[in-house]
């Protein structure tokens, strides 16, 4: 296997590396022993914005297949309460498999039906929302034939609905990170603005966008929102 370290300001040193040549991953002992996970470096941005800390209660709302979930666990030193949920029970099996391979033990799976019991219980919530995926079009060129104005509108409605489901789960003073792998403003800053207009108890701390032709990674967007403390 040949690899080179890959560094960006949101990644840091000695964390990510780019595979240059490798045999089938299933044949690598280092892979089966959970020493690394394969994902684009852009996916790490949302977790860095979340800034997980050991001992916190966290929720990854759309967790499958588990790349962000397991990175959250890594930054928590596998210590704390990390809840993982997804609206596809079948895809949640992937989260369990990845946690087992990587040795993650702090993850609990939770059904969306149980969200009412989590009201104001989470220090931080990550919502990596379903989106048009236009940020990964460099690797999935077929997407250009499937993206339409109607689909963007449908996704925007779903994204706002998910944000409104996530918001009550955040403790006062806690953080909600909204992320996509879309480059469309309607799915990114547009969704955040509409959410904030209807949720005065949240404030925007910052937004960031990664662009394939600038950052050399897949496109990604993050918006870091903080729930205001009760007055």
C-alpha atoms as a PDB file:
ATOM      1  CA  UNK A   1       0.000   0.000   0.000  1.00  0.00           C
ATOM      2  CA  UNK A   2       1.296   3.471  -0.918  1.00  0.00           C
ATOM      3  CA  UNK A   3      -0.066   6.555   0.839  1.00  0.00           C
ATOM      4  CA  UNK A   4       0.788  10.198   1.480  1.00  0.00           C
ATOM      5  CA  UNK A   5      -0.408  12.361   4.350  1.00  0.00           C
ATOM      6  CA  UNK A   6      -3.126  14.812   3.369  1.00  0.00           C
ATOM      7  CA  UNK A   7      -3.429  18.041   5.356  1.00  0.00           C
ATOM      8  CA  UNK A   8      -5.915  20.910   5.308  1.00  0.00           C
ATOM      9  CA  UNK A   9      -6.726  23.509   7.966  1.00  0.00           C
ATOM     10  CA  UNK A  10      -9.859  21.600   9.050  1.00  0.00           C
ATOM     11  CA  UNK A  11      -8.035  18.262   9.209  1.00  0.00           C
ATOM     12  CA  UNK A  12      -4.738  18.817  10.997  1.00  0.00           C
ATOM     13  CA  UNK A  13      -1.545  16.823  10.893  1.00  0.00           C
ATOM     14  CA  UNK A  14      -1.147  13.043  10.827  1.00  0.00           C
ATOM     15  CA  UNK A  15      -4.864  12.285  10.620  1.00  0.00           C
ATOM     16  CA  UNK A  16      -5.772  11.777   6.950  1.00  0.00           C
ATOM     17  CA  UNK A  17      -3.762  10.269   4.134  1.00  0.00           C
ATOM     18  CA  UNK A  18      -4.344   9.731   0.440  1.00  0.00           C
ATOM     19  CA  UNK A  19      -4.067   6.204  -0.893  1.00  0.00           C
ATOM     20  CA  UNK A  20      -1.953   6.143  -4.046  1.00  0.00           C
ATOM     21  CA  UNK A  21      -1.939   2.395  -4.642  1.00  0.00           C
ATOM     22  CA  UNK A  22      -3.381  -0.501  -2.718  1.00  0.00           C
ATOM     23  CA  UNK A  23      -4.619  -4.079  -3.082  1.00  0.00           C
ATOM     24  CA  UNK A  24      -8.330  -4.821  -2.473  1.00  0.00           C
ATOM     25  CA  UNK A  25      -9.140  -3.274   0.905  1.00  0.00           C
ATOM     26  CA  UNK A  26     -10.705  -6.479   2.209  1.00  0.00           C
ATOM     27  CA  UNK A  27      -7.282  -8.150   1.934  1.00  0.00           C
ATOM     28  CA  UNK A  28      -5.529  -5.548   4.102  1.00  0.00           C
ATOM     29  CA  UNK A  29      -5.039  -6.584   7.707  1.00  0.00           C
ATOM     30  CA  UNK A  30      -4.789  -2.922   8.711  1.00  0.00           C
ATOM     31  CA  UNK A  31      -8.268  -2.317   7.272  1.00  0.00           C
ATOM     32  CA  UNK A  32      -9.902  -5.358   8.870  1.00  0.00           C
ATOM     33  CA  UNK A  33      -8.343  -4.385  12.213  1.00  0.00           C
ATOM     34  CA  UNK A  34      -9.986  -0.964  12.011  1.00  0.00           C
ATOM     35  CA  UNK A  35      -6.876   1.151  11.689  1.00  0.00           C
ATOM     36  CA  UNK A  36      -8.415   3.440   9.077  1.00  0.00           C
ATOM     37  CA  UNK A  37     -11.676   4.432   7.394  1.00  0.00           C
ATOM     38  CA  UNK A  38     -12.149   5.432   3.759  1.00  0.00           C
ATOM     39  CA  UNK A  39     -13.892   8.770   3.116  1.00  0.00           C
ATOM     40  CA  UNK A  40     -13.319  12.070   1.352  1.00  0.00           C
ATOM     41  CA  UNK A  41     -11.522  14.672   3.520  1.00  0.00           C
ATOM     42  CA  UNK A  42     -14.421  17.106   3.045  1.00  0.00           C
ATOM     43  CA  UNK A  43     -16.581  14.916   5.283  1.00  0.00           C
ATOM     44  CA  UNK A  44     -14.380  15.760   8.280  1.00  0.00           C
ATOM     45  CA  UNK A  45     -15.294  19.458   8.196  1.00  0.00           C
ATOM     46  CA  UNK A  46     -18.752  19.041   9.736  1.00  0.00           C
ATOM     47  CA  UNK A  47     -17.357  17.030  12.646  1.00  0.00           C
ATOM     48  CA  UNK A  48     -14.613  19.597  13.255  1.00  0.00           C
ATOM     49  CA  UNK A  49     -17.289  22.309  13.378  1.00  0.00           C
ATOM     50  CA  UNK A  50     -19.212  20.185  15.864  1.00  0.00           C
ATOM     51  CA  UNK A  51     -16.062  19.994  18.038  1.00  0.00           C
ATOM     52  CA  UNK A  52     -16.961  16.852  20.022  1.00  0.00           C
ATOM     53  CA  UNK A  53     -15.516  16.557  23.519  1.00  0.00           C
ATOM     54  CA  UNK A  54     -15.182  13.505  25.790  1.00  0.00           C
ATOM     55  CA  UNK A  55     -18.133  13.047  28.123  1.00  0.00           C
ATOM     56  CA  UNK A  56     -20.647  15.003  26.033  1.00  0.00           C
ATOM     57  CA  UNK A  57     -24.017  13.763  24.823  1.00  0.00           C
ATOM     58  CA  UNK A  58     -24.044  13.884  21.029  1.00  0.00           C
ATOM     59  CA  UNK A  59     -26.503  12.959  18.287  1.00  0.00           C
ATOM     60  CA  UNK A  60     -25.651  12.166  14.671  1.00  0.00           C
ATOM     61  CA  UNK A  61     -29.102  12.523  13.147  1.00  0.00           C
ATOM     62  CA  UNK A  62     -28.466  11.035   9.673  1.00  0.00           C
ATOM     63  CA  UNK A  63     -25.614   8.754  10.629  1.00  0.00           C
ATOM     64  CA  UNK A  64     -25.396   6.055   7.938  1.00  0.00           C
ATOM     65  CA  UNK A  65     -22.996   4.715   6.820  1.00  0.00           C
ATOM     66  CA  UNK A  66     -21.049   5.907   9.863  1.00  0.00           C
ATOM     67  CA  UNK A  67     -17.995   7.850   8.709  1.00  0.00           C
ATOM     68  CA  UNK A  68     -18.870  10.983  10.644  1.00  0.00           C
ATOM     69  CA  UNK A  69     -20.204   8.984  13.598  1.00  0.00           C
ATOM     70  CA  UNK A  70     -16.951   7.116  14.062  1.00  0.00           C
ATOM     71  CA  UNK A  71     -14.882  10.304  13.687  1.00  0.00           C
ATOM     72  CA  UNK A  72     -17.028  11.933  16.378  1.00  0.00           C
ATOM     73  CA  UNK A  73     -16.297   8.936  18.601  1.00  0.00           C
ATOM     74  CA  UNK A  74     -12.575   9.297  17.884  1.00  0.00           C
ATOM     75  CA  UNK A  75     -12.574  12.952  18.945  1.00  0.00           C
ATOM     76  CA  UNK A  76     -14.567  11.998  22.064  1.00  0.00           C
ATOM     77  CA  UNK A  77     -11.876   9.420  22.911  1.00  0.00           C
ATOM     78  CA  UNK A  78     -14.699   6.864  22.759  1.00  0.00           C
ATOM     79  CA  UNK A  79     -16.027   8.347  26.009  1.00  0.00           C
ATOM     80  CA  UNK A  80     -19.467   9.891  26.379  1.00  0.00           C
ATOM     81  CA  UNK A  81     -22.910   9.247  24.958  1.00  0.00           C
ATOM     82  CA  UNK A  82     -23.004   9.224  21.171  1.00  0.00           C
ATOM     83  CA  UNK A  83     -26.432   8.569  19.688  1.00  0.00           C
ATOM     84  CA  UNK A  84     -26.689   7.534  16.057  1.00  0.00           C
ATOM     85  CA  UNK A  85     -29.904   7.586  14.078  1.00  0.00           C
ATOM     86  CA  UNK A  86     -31.042   7.313  10.493  1.00  0.00           C
ATOM     87  CA  UNK A  87     -34.382   7.074   8.745  1.00  0.00           C
ATOM     88  CA  UNK A  88     -33.237   3.869   7.047  1.00  0.00           C
ATOM     89  CA  UNK A  89     -33.034   0.922   9.436  1.00  0.00           C
ATOM     90  CA  UNK A  90     -31.226  -1.054   6.747  1.00  0.00           C
ATOM     91  CA  UNK A  91     -28.486   1.573   6.411  1.00  0.00           C
ATOM     92  CA  UNK A  92     -28.069   1.688  10.183  1.00  0.00           C
ATOM     93  CA  UNK A  93     -26.600  -1.802   9.906  1.00  0.00           C
ATOM     94  CA  UNK A  94     -23.632  -0.166   8.146  1.00  0.00           C
ATOM     95  CA  UNK A  95     -23.105   2.114  11.142  1.00  0.00           C
ATOM     96  CA  UNK A  96     -23.015  -0.900  13.449  1.00  0.00           C
ATOM     97  CA  UNK A  97     -20.572  -2.729  11.174  1.00  0.00           C
ATOM     98  CA  UNK A  98     -18.215   0.237  10.943  1.00  0.00           C
ATOM     99  CA  UNK A  99     -18.324   0.822  14.695  1.00  0.00           C
ATOM    100  CA  UNK A 100     -17.481  -2.827  15.325  1.00  0.00           C
ATOM    101  CA  UNK A 101     -14.565  -2.807  12.854  1.00  0.00           C
ATOM    102  CA  UNK A 102     -13.142   0.429  14.258  1.00  0.00           C
ATOM    103  CA  UNK A 103     -13.574  -0.546  17.899  1.00  0.00           C
ATOM    104  CA  UNK A 104     -16.115   2.180  18.697  1.00  0.00           C
ATOM    105  CA  UNK A 105     -18.103   1.300  21.827  1.00  0.00           C
ATOM    106  CA  UNK A 106     -19.725   4.614  22.862  1.00  0.00           C
ATOM    107  CA  UNK A 107     -22.372   4.616  20.099  1.00  0.00           C
ATOM    108  CA  UNK A 108     -26.031   3.901  20.848  1.00  0.00           C
ATOM    109  CA  UNK A 109     -28.516   3.551  18.015  1.00  0.00           C
ATOM    110  CA  UNK A 110     -31.801   5.400  18.433  1.00  0.00           C
ATOM    111  CA  UNK A 111     -34.948   5.436  16.339  1.00  0.00           C
ATOM    112  CA  UNK A 112     -36.344   8.763  15.076  1.00  0.00           C
ATOM    113  CA  UNK A 113     -39.530   7.737  16.870  1.00  0.00           C
ATOM    114  CA  UNK A 114     -37.688   8.252  20.171  1.00  0.00           C
ATOM    115  CA  UNK A 115     -36.652  11.855  19.502  1.00  0.00           C
ATOM    116  CA  UNK A 116     -39.343  13.232  21.831  1.00  0.00           C
ATOM    117  CA  UNK A 117     -37.501  11.596  24.732  1.00  0.00           C
ATOM    118  CA  UNK A 118     -34.315  13.468  23.788  1.00  0.00           C
ATOM    119  CA  UNK A 119     -35.762  16.981  24.046  1.00  0.00           C
ATOM    120  CA  UNK A 120     -33.021  19.397  25.188  1.00  0.00           C
ATOM    121  CA  UNK A 121     -30.775  16.443  26.112  1.00  0.00           C
ATOM    122  CA  UNK A 122     -27.966  16.829  23.556  1.00  0.00           C
ATOM    123  CA  UNK A 123     -24.906  19.020  23.971  1.00  0.00           C
ATOM    124  CA  UNK A 124     -24.387  18.885  20.204  1.00  0.00           C
ATOM    125  CA  UNK A 125     -26.306  17.575  17.208  1.00  0.00           C
ATOM    126  CA  UNK A 126     -24.996  16.902  13.708  1.00  0.00           C
ATOM    127  CA  UNK A 127     -27.453  16.952  10.818  1.00  0.00           C
ATOM    128  CA  UNK A 128     -25.703  15.828   7.651  1.00  0.00           C
ATOM    129  CA  UNK A 129     -28.810  16.194   5.543  1.00  0.00           C
ATOM    130  CA  UNK A 130     -29.831  14.307   2.402  1.00  0.00           C
ATOM    131  CA  UNK A 131     -29.058  16.586  -0.524  1.00  0.00           C
ATOM    132  CA  UNK A 132     -28.544  16.817  -4.279  1.00  0.00           C
ATOM    133  CA  UNK A 133     -24.892  15.685  -3.908  1.00  0.00           C
ATOM    134  CA  UNK A 134     -23.694  18.235  -6.467  1.00  0.00           C
ATOM    135  CA  UNK A 135     -20.479  18.594  -4.451  1.00  0.00           C
ATOM    136  CA  UNK A 136     -19.450  15.063  -5.440  1.00  0.00           C
ATOM    137  CA  UNK A 137     -20.289  15.430  -9.128  1.00  0.00           C
ATOM    138  CA  UNK A 138     -16.617  15.161 -10.074  1.00  0.00           C
ATOM    139  CA  UNK A 139     -16.821  11.487  -9.028  1.00  0.00           C
ATOM    140  CA  UNK A 140     -20.449  10.836  -9.963  1.00  0.00           C
ATOM    141  CA  UNK A 141     -20.960  12.480 -13.317  1.00  0.00           C
ATOM    142  CA  UNK A 142     -24.333  10.762 -13.741  1.00  0.00           C
ATOM    143  CA  UNK A 143     -25.740  13.186 -11.157  1.00  0.00           C
ATOM    144  CA  UNK A 144     -25.937  15.993 -13.686  1.00  0.00           C
ATOM    145  CA  UNK A 145     -28.752  14.149 -15.440  1.00  0.00           C
ATOM    146  CA  UNK A 146     -30.755  13.697 -12.229  1.00  0.00           C
ATOM    147  CA  UNK A 147     -30.593  17.134 -10.604  1.00  0.00           C
ATOM    148  CA  UNK A 148     -33.555  19.386 -11.368  1.00  0.00           C
ATOM    149  CA  UNK A 149     -35.183  22.488  -9.919  1.00  0.00           C
ATOM    150  CA  UNK A 150     -38.061  20.346  -8.692  1.00  0.00           C
ATOM    151  CA  UNK A 151     -35.686  17.961  -6.911  1.00  0.00           C
ATOM    152  CA  UNK A 152     -33.839  20.851  -5.239  1.00  0.00           C
ATOM    153  CA  UNK A 153     -37.173  22.213  -4.013  1.00  0.00           C
ATOM    154  CA  UNK A 154     -38.189  18.809  -2.636  1.00  0.00           C
ATOM    155  CA  UNK A 155     -34.850  18.389  -0.871  1.00  0.00           C
ATOM    156  CA  UNK A 156     -34.986  21.885   0.613  1.00  0.00           C
ATOM    157  CA  UNK A 157     -38.357  21.093   2.180  1.00  0.00           C
ATOM    158  CA  UNK A 158     -36.977  17.858   3.633  1.00  0.00           C
ATOM    159  CA  UNK A 159     -33.849  19.608   4.932  1.00  0.00           C
ATOM    160  CA  UNK A 160     -35.879  22.257   6.735  1.00  0.00           C
ATOM    161  CA  UNK A 161     -38.086  19.572   8.221  1.00  0.00           C
ATOM    162  CA  UNK A 162     -35.028  17.736   9.548  1.00  0.00           C
ATOM    163  CA  UNK A 163     -33.581  20.930  11.036  1.00  0.00           C
ATOM    164  CA  UNK A 164     -36.867  21.579  12.798  1.00  0.00           C
ATOM    165  CA  UNK A 165     -36.791  18.032  14.184  1.00  0.00           C
ATOM    166  CA  UNK A 166     -33.203  18.459  15.355  1.00  0.00           C
ATOM    167  CA  UNK A 167     -33.556  21.876  17.002  1.00  0.00           C
ATOM    168  CA  UNK A 168     -35.580  20.849  20.093  1.00  0.00           C
ATOM    169  CA  UNK A 169     -33.049  18.122  20.907  1.00  0.00           C
ATOM    170  CA  UNK A 170     -30.246  20.642  21.538  1.00  0.00           C
ATOM    171  CA  UNK A 171     -29.657  21.896  25.068  1.00  0.00           C
ATOM    172  CA  UNK A 172     -29.739  25.662  25.684  1.00  0.00           C
ATOM    173  CA  UNK A 173     -26.218  26.824  24.850  1.00  0.00           C
ATOM    174  CA  UNK A 174     -25.659  23.723  22.729  1.00  0.00           C
ATOM    175  CA  UNK A 175     -24.624  23.406  19.082  1.00  0.00           C
ATOM    176  CA  UNK A 176     -26.449  22.224  15.969  1.00  0.00           C
ATOM    177  CA  UNK A 177     -24.294  21.715  12.858  1.00  0.00           C
ATOM    178  CA  UNK A 178     -26.096  21.528   9.529  1.00  0.00           C
ATOM    179  CA  UNK A 179     -24.094  20.089   6.646  1.00  0.00           C
ATOM    180  CA  UNK A 180     -24.525  18.909   3.061  1.00  0.00           C
ATOM    181  CA  UNK A 181     -22.349  17.780   0.166  1.00  0.00           C
ATOM    182  CA  UNK A 182     -24.244  20.176  -2.103  1.00  0.00           C
ATOM    183  CA  UNK A 183     -22.980  23.310  -3.839  1.00  0.00           C
ATOM    184  CA  UNK A 184     -26.489  24.752  -4.247  1.00  0.00           C
ATOM    185  CA  UNK A 185     -27.213  27.897  -2.168  1.00  0.00           C
ATOM    186  CA  UNK A 186     -30.860  26.880  -1.945  1.00  0.00           C
ATOM    187  CA  UNK A 187     -29.842  23.792   0.057  1.00  0.00           C
ATOM    188  CA  UNK A 188     -27.158  25.510   2.112  1.00  0.00           C
ATOM    189  CA  UNK A 189     -27.252  29.129   3.253  1.00  0.00           C
ATOM    190  CA  UNK A 190     -30.834  29.418   2.003  1.00  0.00           C
ATOM    191  CA  UNK A 191     -31.991  26.618   4.303  1.00  0.00           C
ATOM    192  CA  UNK A 192     -30.089  28.097   7.243  1.00  0.00           C
ATOM    193  CA  UNK A 193     -31.621  31.548   6.718  1.00  0.00           C
ATOM    194  CA  UNK A 194     -35.134  30.166   6.508  1.00  0.00           C
ATOM    195  CA  UNK A 195     -34.591  28.081   9.631  1.00  0.00           C
ATOM    196  CA  UNK A 196     -33.249  31.047  11.608  1.00  0.00           C
ATOM    197  CA  UNK A 197     -36.152  33.235  10.505  1.00  0.00           C
ATOM    198  CA  UNK A 198     -38.523  30.770  12.161  1.00  0.00           C
ATOM    199  CA  UNK A 199     -36.320  29.873  15.165  1.00  0.00           C
ATOM    200  CA  UNK A 200     -35.275  32.987  17.065  1.00  0.00           C
ATOM    201  CA  UNK A 201     -33.762  30.837  19.824  1.00  0.00           C
ATOM    202  CA  UNK A 202     -30.876  29.896  17.508  1.00  0.00           C
ATOM    203  CA  UNK A 203     -28.077  32.045  16.137  1.00  0.00           C
ATOM    204  CA  UNK A 204     -25.601  31.423  13.327  1.00  0.00           C
ATOM    205  CA  UNK A 205     -21.966  31.350  14.443  1.00  0.00           C
ATOM    206  CA  UNK A 206     -20.410  30.674  11.061  1.00  0.00           C
ATOM    207  CA  UNK A 207     -20.779  29.047   7.671  1.00  0.00           C
ATOM    208  CA  UNK A 208     -18.158  27.465   5.466  1.00  0.00           C
ATOM    209  CA  UNK A 209     -18.143  26.018   1.968  1.00  0.00           C
ATOM    210  CA  UNK A 210     -15.539  23.750   0.393  1.00  0.00           C
ATOM    211  CA  UNK A 211     -15.216  23.800  -3.393  1.00  0.00           C
ATOM    212  CA  UNK A 212     -13.662  20.956  -5.419  1.00  0.00           C
ATOM    213  CA  UNK A 213     -11.804  23.282  -7.780  1.00  0.00           C
ATOM    214  CA  UNK A 214     -10.412  25.366  -4.884  1.00  0.00           C
ATOM    215  CA  UNK A 215      -9.855  22.925  -2.028  1.00  0.00           C
ATOM    216  CA  UNK A 216      -9.097  19.735  -3.986  1.00  0.00           C
ATOM    217  CA  UNK A 217     -11.791  17.758  -2.164  1.00  0.00           C
ATOM    218  CA  UNK A 218     -15.489  17.103  -2.629  1.00  0.00           C
ATOM    219  CA  UNK A 219     -17.794  20.066  -2.227  1.00  0.00           C
ATOM    220  CA  UNK A 220     -19.313  20.551   1.220  1.00  0.00           C
ATOM    221  CA  UNK A 221     -21.219  23.113   3.266  1.00  0.00           C
ATOM    222  CA  UNK A 222     -21.484  23.578   7.019  1.00  0.00           C
ATOM    223  CA  UNK A 223     -23.506  25.963   9.129  1.00  0.00           C
ATOM    224  CA  UNK A 224     -22.788  26.065  12.873  1.00  0.00           C
ATOM    225  CA  UNK A 225     -25.842  27.117  14.876  1.00  0.00           C
ATOM    226  CA  UNK A 226     -26.009  27.664  18.619  1.00  0.00           C
ATOM    227  CA  UNK A 227     -29.130  27.488  20.742  1.00  0.00           C
ATOM    228  CA  UNK A 228     -29.427  30.548  22.922  1.00  0.00           C
ATOM    229  CA  UNK A 229     -29.498  30.141  26.686  1.00  0.00           C
ATOM    230  CA  UNK A 230     -32.919  30.589  28.227  1.00  0.00           C
ATOM    231  CA  UNK A 231     -33.404  34.086  29.594  1.00  0.00           C
END
